[in-house]
N, C-alpha and C. Protein backbone atom coordinates (compact mmCIF):
# COMPACT_ATOMS: atom_id res chain seq x y z
N MET A 1 116.18 -128.98 266.23
CA MET A 1 115.64 -129.80 265.34
C MET A 1 114.24 -129.72 265.30
N GLU A 2 113.59 -129.66 266.38
CA GLU A 2 112.05 -129.66 266.27
C GLU A 2 111.49 -128.39 265.51
N ALA A 3 112.26 -127.25 265.89
CA ALA A 3 111.68 -126.04 265.45
C ALA A 3 111.93 -126.15 263.69
N ALA A 4 113.17 -126.76 263.43
CA ALA A 4 113.49 -126.68 261.88
C ALA A 4 112.50 -127.66 261.25
N SER A 5 112.26 -128.91 261.72
CA SER A 5 111.45 -129.79 261.22
C SER A 5 109.97 -129.87 261.33
N GLY A 6 109.65 -129.01 262.38
CA GLY A 6 108.09 -129.05 262.75
C GLY A 6 107.65 -130.29 263.32
N GLN A 7 108.53 -131.24 263.76
CA GLN A 7 108.06 -132.50 264.31
C GLN A 7 108.78 -132.60 265.59
N GLU A 8 108.25 -133.37 266.40
CA GLU A 8 108.83 -133.94 267.69
C GLU A 8 110.00 -134.74 267.65
N ALA A 9 111.20 -134.52 268.21
CA ALA A 9 112.44 -135.28 268.18
C ALA A 9 112.24 -136.32 269.26
N VAL A 10 111.97 -137.71 268.89
CA VAL A 10 111.72 -138.75 269.96
C VAL A 10 112.72 -139.64 270.03
N GLY A 11 113.65 -139.52 269.21
CA GLY A 11 114.87 -140.57 269.25
C GLY A 11 116.23 -139.79 268.94
N ILE A 12 117.35 -140.52 269.17
CA ILE A 12 118.57 -139.98 268.79
C ILE A 12 119.47 -140.97 268.02
N ARG A 13 120.40 -140.32 267.38
CA ARG A 13 121.54 -141.20 266.81
C ARG A 13 122.74 -140.33 267.25
N THR A 14 123.58 -141.00 267.86
CA THR A 14 124.73 -140.15 268.51
C THR A 14 125.74 -139.93 267.60
N PRO A 15 126.40 -138.89 267.80
CA PRO A 15 127.58 -138.48 266.76
C PRO A 15 128.63 -139.62 266.72
N ARG A 16 128.99 -140.25 265.51
CA ARG A 16 129.97 -141.42 265.38
C ARG A 16 129.34 -142.61 266.04
N LEU A 17 128.12 -142.68 266.19
CA LEU A 17 127.56 -143.92 266.65
C LEU A 17 127.99 -144.35 268.12
N ARG A 18 128.34 -143.35 268.89
CA ARG A 18 129.03 -143.57 270.21
C ARG A 18 127.95 -144.24 271.08
N SER A 19 128.32 -145.05 271.96
CA SER A 19 127.41 -145.67 272.94
C SER A 19 126.94 -144.54 274.05
N CYS A 20 125.76 -144.60 274.36
CA CYS A 20 125.28 -143.73 275.43
C CYS A 20 124.29 -144.59 276.27
N LEU A 21 124.30 -144.45 277.66
CA LEU A 21 123.68 -145.17 278.54
C LEU A 21 122.09 -144.87 278.50
N ALA A 22 121.46 -146.01 278.48
CA ALA A 22 119.90 -145.84 278.18
C ALA A 22 119.23 -144.87 279.06
N PHE A 23 119.58 -144.86 280.32
CA PHE A 23 118.95 -143.99 281.36
C PHE A 23 119.19 -142.44 280.87
N VAL A 24 120.38 -142.28 280.35
CA VAL A 24 120.76 -140.91 280.11
C VAL A 24 119.84 -140.44 278.78
N VAL A 25 119.54 -141.30 277.89
CA VAL A 25 118.71 -141.12 276.79
C VAL A 25 117.43 -140.76 277.15
N ARG A 26 116.89 -141.79 278.00
CA ARG A 26 115.54 -141.78 278.56
C ARG A 26 115.19 -140.36 279.44
N ASP A 27 116.34 -140.00 280.37
CA ASP A 27 116.21 -138.79 281.14
C ASP A 27 116.29 -137.65 280.18
N ALA A 28 116.75 -137.69 278.93
CA ALA A 28 116.81 -136.44 278.01
C ALA A 28 115.48 -136.49 277.34
N GLY A 29 114.72 -137.37 277.69
CA GLY A 29 113.19 -137.33 277.05
C GLY A 29 113.04 -137.92 275.69
N PHE A 30 113.96 -138.83 275.25
CA PHE A 30 113.74 -139.62 273.97
C PHE A 30 113.38 -141.00 274.35
N SER A 31 112.74 -141.54 273.35
CA SER A 31 112.15 -142.93 273.58
C SER A 31 113.01 -144.12 272.89
N TYR A 32 113.98 -143.68 271.99
CA TYR A 32 114.85 -144.63 271.31
C TYR A 32 116.14 -144.08 271.06
N ASP A 33 117.05 -144.98 270.72
CA ASP A 33 118.48 -144.72 270.62
C ASP A 33 118.79 -145.34 269.24
N ALA A 34 118.98 -144.91 267.97
CA ALA A 34 119.26 -145.57 266.88
C ALA A 34 120.78 -145.68 266.61
N SER A 35 121.62 -145.71 267.67
CA SER A 35 123.10 -145.65 267.52
C SER A 35 123.66 -146.95 267.70
N PRO A 36 123.13 -148.12 268.26
CA PRO A 36 123.96 -149.26 268.52
C PRO A 36 124.42 -149.91 267.12
N HIS A 37 125.65 -150.32 267.14
CA HIS A 37 126.21 -150.80 265.90
C HIS A 37 126.80 -152.13 266.27
N PRO A 38 126.05 -153.18 265.87
CA PRO A 38 126.52 -154.56 266.32
C PRO A 38 127.62 -155.09 265.46
N THR A 39 128.72 -154.55 265.52
CA THR A 39 129.84 -154.91 264.67
C THR A 39 131.03 -154.72 265.42
N TRP A 40 132.27 -155.11 265.02
CA TRP A 40 133.47 -154.80 265.67
C TRP A 40 134.49 -154.14 264.50
N ILE A 41 134.80 -152.80 264.70
CA ILE A 41 135.83 -152.24 263.95
C ILE A 41 136.73 -151.80 264.84
N PRO A 42 138.07 -152.19 264.68
CA PRO A 42 139.03 -151.80 265.56
C PRO A 42 139.12 -150.49 265.85
N GLY A 43 139.18 -149.96 267.17
CA GLY A 43 139.33 -148.57 267.56
C GLY A 43 138.10 -147.89 267.37
N ARG A 44 136.95 -148.47 266.98
CA ARG A 44 135.82 -147.63 266.78
C ARG A 44 134.79 -148.33 267.45
N TYR A 45 134.13 -149.50 267.11
CA TYR A 45 133.03 -150.14 267.54
C TYR A 45 133.43 -151.51 268.24
N PHE A 46 132.71 -151.99 269.34
CA PHE A 46 132.78 -153.11 269.78
C PHE A 46 131.44 -153.70 270.19
N GLY A 47 130.64 -153.92 269.21
CA GLY A 47 129.20 -154.06 269.45
C GLY A 47 128.79 -155.53 269.26
N LEU A 48 129.55 -156.66 269.08
CA LEU A 48 129.25 -157.80 268.79
C LEU A 48 128.28 -158.40 269.66
N HIS A 49 128.12 -157.97 270.83
CA HIS A 49 127.19 -158.44 271.92
C HIS A 49 125.76 -157.90 271.51
N PHE A 50 125.74 -157.01 270.89
CA PHE A 50 124.26 -156.37 270.45
C PHE A 50 123.49 -157.13 269.62
N SER A 51 122.21 -157.20 269.66
CA SER A 51 121.27 -158.00 268.96
C SER A 51 121.22 -157.33 267.50
N ARG A 52 120.88 -157.99 266.47
CA ARG A 52 120.61 -157.34 265.20
C ARG A 52 119.05 -156.76 265.04
N SER A 53 118.31 -157.18 266.02
CA SER A 53 116.90 -156.60 266.17
C SER A 53 116.83 -155.67 267.45
N PRO A 54 115.65 -154.75 267.31
CA PRO A 54 115.56 -153.72 268.46
C PRO A 54 115.47 -154.45 269.78
N TRP A 55 115.71 -153.82 270.87
CA TRP A 55 115.49 -154.29 272.22
C TRP A 55 115.21 -153.20 273.11
N ARG A 56 114.59 -153.52 274.31
CA ARG A 56 114.38 -152.56 275.13
C ARG A 56 115.47 -152.66 276.44
N GLU A 57 115.84 -151.47 276.77
CA GLU A 57 116.83 -151.26 277.88
C GLU A 57 116.61 -149.95 278.68
N GLU A 58 116.31 -150.10 279.98
CA GLU A 58 115.91 -149.15 280.81
C GLU A 58 114.86 -148.23 280.39
N GLY A 59 113.80 -148.56 279.65
CA GLY A 59 112.76 -147.75 279.14
C GLY A 59 113.06 -147.37 277.69
N ILE A 60 114.05 -147.57 277.36
CA ILE A 60 114.43 -147.01 275.78
C ILE A 60 114.60 -148.12 274.88
N THR A 61 114.07 -148.00 273.65
CA THR A 61 114.31 -148.94 272.57
C THR A 61 115.53 -148.64 271.79
N LYS A 62 116.23 -149.78 271.74
CA LYS A 62 117.68 -149.63 271.17
C LYS A 62 117.34 -150.22 269.67
N VAL A 63 117.85 -149.38 268.74
CA VAL A 63 117.60 -149.85 267.33
C VAL A 63 119.03 -149.87 266.46
N PRO A 64 119.50 -151.10 266.46
CA PRO A 64 120.71 -151.27 265.72
C PRO A 64 120.81 -151.08 264.29
N ILE A 65 121.99 -150.61 263.81
CA ILE A 65 122.30 -150.46 262.54
C ILE A 65 122.31 -151.83 261.93
N SER A 66 122.09 -151.82 260.73
CA SER A 66 122.06 -153.15 259.97
C SER A 66 123.53 -153.83 259.62
N VAL A 67 123.71 -154.93 259.93
CA VAL A 67 125.05 -155.71 259.83
C VAL A 67 124.70 -157.03 259.16
N LEU A 68 125.73 -157.69 258.39
CA LEU A 68 125.52 -158.97 258.01
C LEU A 68 125.23 -160.10 259.08
N PRO A 69 124.55 -161.00 258.82
CA PRO A 69 124.38 -162.06 259.79
C PRO A 69 125.67 -162.86 259.93
N GLY A 70 126.01 -163.33 260.99
CA GLY A 70 127.34 -164.09 261.20
C GLY A 70 128.55 -163.22 261.27
N LEU A 71 128.84 -162.82 259.92
CA LEU A 71 130.13 -161.91 260.05
C LEU A 71 129.92 -160.40 260.68
N ARG A 72 128.97 -159.96 260.88
CA ARG A 72 128.52 -158.80 261.60
C ARG A 72 129.20 -157.63 260.84
N MET A 73 129.55 -157.65 259.66
CA MET A 73 130.20 -156.53 258.87
C MET A 73 129.01 -155.57 258.68
N PRO A 74 129.24 -154.19 258.82
CA PRO A 74 128.46 -153.13 258.67
C PRO A 74 128.06 -153.00 257.22
N VAL A 75 126.72 -152.76 256.98
CA VAL A 75 126.39 -152.49 255.59
C VAL A 75 125.75 -150.88 255.59
N SER A 76 126.66 -150.14 254.93
CA SER A 76 126.26 -148.74 255.02
C SER A 76 127.32 -148.05 254.07
N TRP A 77 127.49 -146.68 254.35
CA TRP A 77 128.27 -145.99 253.31
C TRP A 77 129.65 -146.69 252.84
N MET A 78 130.40 -147.47 253.72
CA MET A 78 131.69 -147.96 253.25
C MET A 78 131.48 -148.98 252.11
N TRP A 79 130.20 -149.71 252.19
CA TRP A 79 130.16 -150.82 251.09
C TRP A 79 130.02 -149.89 249.93
N PHE A 80 129.19 -149.00 249.75
CA PHE A 80 128.91 -148.26 248.60
C PHE A 80 130.01 -147.50 248.16
N GLN A 81 130.86 -146.91 249.06
CA GLN A 81 131.95 -146.23 248.73
C GLN A 81 133.20 -146.90 248.25
N PHE A 82 133.66 -148.13 249.07
CA PHE A 82 134.55 -148.86 248.72
C PHE A 82 134.47 -149.94 248.00
N ALA A 83 133.43 -150.61 248.03
CA ALA A 83 133.12 -151.97 247.25
C ALA A 83 132.26 -151.56 245.92
N GLY A 84 131.61 -150.35 246.03
CA GLY A 84 130.85 -150.21 244.91
C GLY A 84 129.38 -150.59 244.98
N PRO A 85 128.46 -149.93 244.00
CA PRO A 85 127.08 -150.27 244.34
C PRO A 85 126.49 -151.53 244.05
N ARG A 86 127.10 -152.41 243.26
CA ARG A 86 126.83 -153.88 243.01
C ARG A 86 126.92 -154.54 244.37
N LEU A 87 128.04 -154.51 244.91
CA LEU A 87 128.39 -155.18 246.17
C LEU A 87 127.64 -154.45 247.32
N GLY A 88 127.40 -153.12 247.18
CA GLY A 88 126.44 -152.62 248.33
C GLY A 88 125.06 -153.12 248.38
N LEU A 89 124.54 -153.28 247.25
CA LEU A 89 123.16 -153.97 247.06
C LEU A 89 123.20 -155.51 247.59
N VAL A 90 124.23 -156.23 247.24
CA VAL A 90 124.41 -157.41 247.79
C VAL A 90 124.42 -157.37 249.26
N GLY A 91 125.17 -156.66 249.88
CA GLY A 91 125.37 -156.46 251.24
C GLY A 91 123.93 -156.09 251.92
N ALA A 92 123.27 -155.05 251.35
CA ALA A 92 121.86 -154.79 251.79
C ALA A 92 120.94 -156.12 251.83
N ARG A 93 120.97 -156.76 250.84
CA ARG A 93 120.21 -157.98 250.59
C ARG A 93 120.53 -158.95 251.74
N LEU A 94 121.92 -159.17 252.08
CA LEU A 94 122.33 -160.22 252.97
C LEU A 94 121.87 -159.56 254.38
N ALA A 95 121.94 -158.45 254.75
CA ALA A 95 121.65 -157.78 255.95
C ALA A 95 120.14 -158.09 256.29
N LEU A 96 119.37 -158.20 255.29
CA LEU A 96 118.02 -158.39 255.71
C LEU A 96 117.69 -159.81 256.01
N LEU A 97 118.65 -160.60 255.94
CA LEU A 97 118.45 -162.12 256.38
C LEU A 97 118.27 -162.15 257.95
N GLY A 98 117.14 -162.53 258.48
CA GLY A 98 116.93 -162.70 259.81
C GLY A 98 116.81 -161.31 260.54
N ALA A 99 116.74 -160.26 259.85
CA ALA A 99 116.58 -159.02 260.53
C ALA A 99 115.22 -158.43 260.08
N PRO A 100 114.81 -157.66 261.05
CA PRO A 100 113.24 -156.96 260.78
C PRO A 100 113.28 -155.97 259.89
N TYR A 101 114.40 -155.20 259.53
CA TYR A 101 114.37 -154.08 258.63
C TYR A 101 115.74 -153.88 258.10
N LEU A 102 115.92 -153.01 257.31
CA LEU A 102 117.29 -152.49 256.78
C LEU A 102 117.53 -151.09 257.15
N HIS A 103 118.50 -150.96 258.04
CA HIS A 103 118.85 -149.69 258.82
C HIS A 103 120.09 -149.33 258.42
N LEU A 104 120.21 -148.37 257.37
CA LEU A 104 121.48 -148.07 256.75
C LEU A 104 121.77 -146.54 257.30
N TYR A 105 123.05 -146.29 257.01
CA TYR A 105 123.32 -144.75 257.25
C TYR A 105 124.38 -144.22 256.15
N PHE A 106 124.29 -143.06 255.81
CA PHE A 106 125.24 -142.46 254.83
C PHE A 106 125.39 -140.90 255.34
N HIS A 107 126.47 -140.37 254.80
CA HIS A 107 126.85 -139.15 255.32
C HIS A 107 126.52 -138.04 254.17
N PRO A 108 126.05 -136.98 254.53
CA PRO A 108 125.86 -135.85 253.50
C PRO A 108 126.85 -135.49 252.69
N TRP A 109 128.15 -135.39 253.19
CA TRP A 109 129.37 -135.20 252.43
C TRP A 109 129.73 -136.12 251.37
N GLU A 110 129.01 -137.20 251.32
CA GLU A 110 129.40 -138.20 250.20
C GLU A 110 128.56 -137.62 248.86
N ALA A 111 127.63 -136.82 249.14
CA ALA A 111 126.84 -136.51 247.78
C ALA A 111 127.59 -135.31 247.23
N VAL A 112 128.82 -134.98 247.71
CA VAL A 112 129.64 -133.76 247.07
C VAL A 112 130.97 -134.48 246.40
N SER A 113 131.30 -134.16 245.48
CA SER A 113 132.62 -134.61 245.02
C SER A 113 133.83 -134.24 245.81
N LEU A 114 134.43 -135.02 246.52
CA LEU A 114 135.53 -134.76 247.49
C LEU A 114 136.86 -134.37 246.80
N ARG A 115 137.02 -135.08 245.76
CA ARG A 115 138.42 -135.06 245.15
C ARG A 115 138.87 -133.64 244.78
N PRO A 116 138.06 -132.79 244.23
CA PRO A 116 138.53 -131.52 243.98
C PRO A 116 138.81 -130.60 245.32
N LEU A 117 138.03 -131.08 246.42
CA LEU A 117 138.32 -130.49 247.73
C LEU A 117 139.51 -130.93 248.50
N GLY A 118 140.47 -131.83 247.90
CA GLY A 118 141.56 -132.42 248.36
C GLY A 118 141.37 -133.56 249.47
N ALA A 119 140.28 -134.07 249.47
CA ALA A 119 140.25 -135.26 250.34
C ALA A 119 141.05 -136.43 249.85
N PRO A 120 141.54 -137.15 250.68
CA PRO A 120 142.37 -138.34 250.33
C PRO A 120 141.67 -139.45 249.54
N PRO A 121 142.30 -140.17 248.51
CA PRO A 121 141.57 -140.79 247.55
C PRO A 121 140.77 -142.07 248.28
N PRO A 122 141.16 -142.76 249.29
CA PRO A 122 140.04 -143.76 249.79
C PRO A 122 138.70 -142.90 250.17
N PHE A 123 138.80 -141.78 250.65
CA PHE A 123 137.43 -140.97 251.17
C PHE A 123 136.72 -140.30 249.92
N SER A 124 137.64 -139.94 248.97
CA SER A 124 137.08 -139.25 247.74
C SER A 124 136.45 -140.04 246.64
N ARG A 125 136.63 -141.25 246.99
CA ARG A 125 136.36 -142.33 245.93
C ARG A 125 134.86 -142.41 245.95
N ARG A 126 134.27 -142.47 244.64
CA ARG A 126 132.76 -142.80 244.54
C ARG A 126 131.97 -141.70 245.34
N THR A 127 132.31 -140.50 245.48
CA THR A 127 131.45 -139.33 245.97
C THR A 127 130.92 -138.46 245.00
N GLY A 128 130.05 -137.57 245.40
CA GLY A 128 129.52 -136.81 244.43
C GLY A 128 128.49 -137.50 243.65
N GLU A 129 128.37 -137.46 242.11
CA GLU A 129 127.29 -137.83 241.39
C GLU A 129 127.40 -139.34 241.26
N VAL A 130 128.57 -140.02 241.59
CA VAL A 130 128.67 -141.41 241.52
C VAL A 130 127.95 -141.93 242.80
N PHE A 131 128.14 -141.34 243.96
CA PHE A 131 127.29 -141.71 245.27
C PHE A 131 125.93 -141.40 244.90
N ILE A 132 125.51 -140.35 244.38
CA ILE A 132 123.99 -140.23 244.07
C ILE A 132 123.52 -141.16 243.21
N GLU A 133 124.31 -141.64 242.30
CA GLU A 133 123.69 -142.70 241.50
C GLU A 133 123.66 -144.14 242.11
N ALA A 134 124.50 -144.38 243.07
CA ALA A 134 124.69 -145.72 243.82
C ALA A 134 123.43 -145.64 244.82
N LEU A 135 123.29 -144.54 245.32
CA LEU A 135 122.04 -144.41 246.31
C LEU A 135 120.63 -144.59 245.58
N ASP A 136 120.56 -143.83 244.35
CA ASP A 136 119.52 -144.08 243.47
C ASP A 136 119.22 -145.55 243.21
N ARG A 137 120.27 -146.26 242.92
CA ARG A 137 120.21 -147.75 242.73
C ARG A 137 119.51 -148.50 243.78
N LEU A 138 120.16 -148.19 244.95
CA LEU A 138 119.65 -148.71 246.14
C LEU A 138 118.09 -148.58 246.44
N LEU A 139 117.66 -147.36 246.17
CA LEU A 139 116.48 -146.85 246.31
C LEU A 139 115.51 -147.68 245.36
N THR A 140 115.94 -147.64 244.19
CA THR A 140 115.32 -148.30 243.05
C THR A 140 114.95 -149.80 243.27
N TRP A 141 116.00 -150.42 243.92
CA TRP A 141 115.97 -151.90 244.27
C TRP A 141 115.09 -152.06 245.44
N SER A 142 115.07 -151.20 246.32
CA SER A 142 114.09 -151.33 247.46
C SER A 142 112.78 -151.06 247.27
N HIS A 143 112.37 -150.30 246.28
CA HIS A 143 110.98 -149.86 245.84
C HIS A 143 110.16 -151.07 245.70
N GLY A 144 109.13 -151.42 246.31
CA GLY A 144 108.30 -152.52 246.14
C GLY A 144 108.67 -153.64 247.00
N GLN A 145 110.03 -153.62 247.59
CA GLN A 145 110.42 -154.76 248.42
C GLN A 145 110.39 -154.38 249.82
N LEU A 146 110.77 -153.19 250.08
CA LEU A 146 110.74 -152.50 251.32
C LEU A 146 109.90 -151.45 251.57
N GLU A 147 109.29 -151.26 252.71
CA GLU A 147 108.40 -150.04 253.06
C GLU A 147 109.34 -148.96 253.73
N PRO A 148 109.58 -148.07 252.92
CA PRO A 148 110.26 -146.83 253.67
C PRO A 148 109.66 -146.45 254.84
N ALA A 149 110.41 -146.25 256.05
CA ALA A 149 109.89 -145.65 257.19
C ALA A 149 110.98 -145.12 258.01
N THR A 150 110.74 -144.15 258.97
CA THR A 150 111.53 -143.52 260.06
C THR A 150 111.71 -144.64 260.93
N VAL A 151 112.61 -144.52 261.78
CA VAL A 151 112.87 -145.27 263.01
C VAL A 151 111.59 -145.27 263.94
N SER A 152 111.01 -144.07 264.03
CA SER A 152 109.70 -143.96 264.85
C SER A 152 108.80 -144.72 264.27
N GLU A 153 108.48 -144.77 263.10
CA GLU A 153 107.45 -145.57 262.35
C GLU A 153 107.70 -147.17 262.54
N ILE A 154 108.92 -147.50 262.48
CA ILE A 154 109.29 -149.02 262.59
C ILE A 154 108.81 -149.28 264.14
N LEU A 155 109.04 -148.58 265.05
CA LEU A 155 108.76 -148.67 266.17
C LEU A 155 107.33 -148.77 266.70
N VAL A 156 106.63 -147.83 266.04
CA VAL A 156 105.12 -147.64 266.27
C VAL A 156 104.57 -147.60 264.90
N PRO A 157 104.22 -148.68 264.29
CA PRO A 157 103.75 -148.53 262.89
C PRO A 157 102.53 -147.72 262.82
N THR A 158 102.34 -146.89 261.64
CA THR A 158 101.14 -146.04 261.67
C THR A 158 100.01 -147.10 260.95
N PRO A 159 98.73 -146.84 261.66
CA PRO A 159 97.79 -147.61 261.07
C PRO A 159 97.48 -147.35 259.52
N VAL A 160 96.89 -148.45 258.92
CA VAL A 160 96.67 -148.47 257.23
C VAL A 160 95.17 -148.00 257.35
N ALA A 161 94.94 -146.88 256.47
CA ALA A 161 93.44 -146.55 256.31
C ALA A 161 92.78 -147.37 255.43
């Protein structure tokens, strides 16, 4: 990753947002873990005990994915794919309540129309150009309201010149 990007890899996001012990992340040379998912999805995540704000653990900063306050519903690709862009934007706005940032994730395969590739209807819904348009609406909405930043920049803000 470092060779391809020309930048130092200082943090991780684990595959499928799986939990990883902080000391393992630290001993691998990383300073943050952007994998905690403070939600409950049966068979996948049980992170209701996680904070919605970053916290330190064994020398590592844990940076959780954005979820709705109270309900702890995740606000990411599923909202935009299954509920549509309008409700996705509503979810993004709500996730900001009482949270220091909006930390969403999407999959690269959503930018490709999956229906012609034989993906089942729930997963091929709103992919391809429709997904790109929804993502564009999210970015347009966020422009001027949110400061785009990497996880590293959130943790160590760059000084303003």
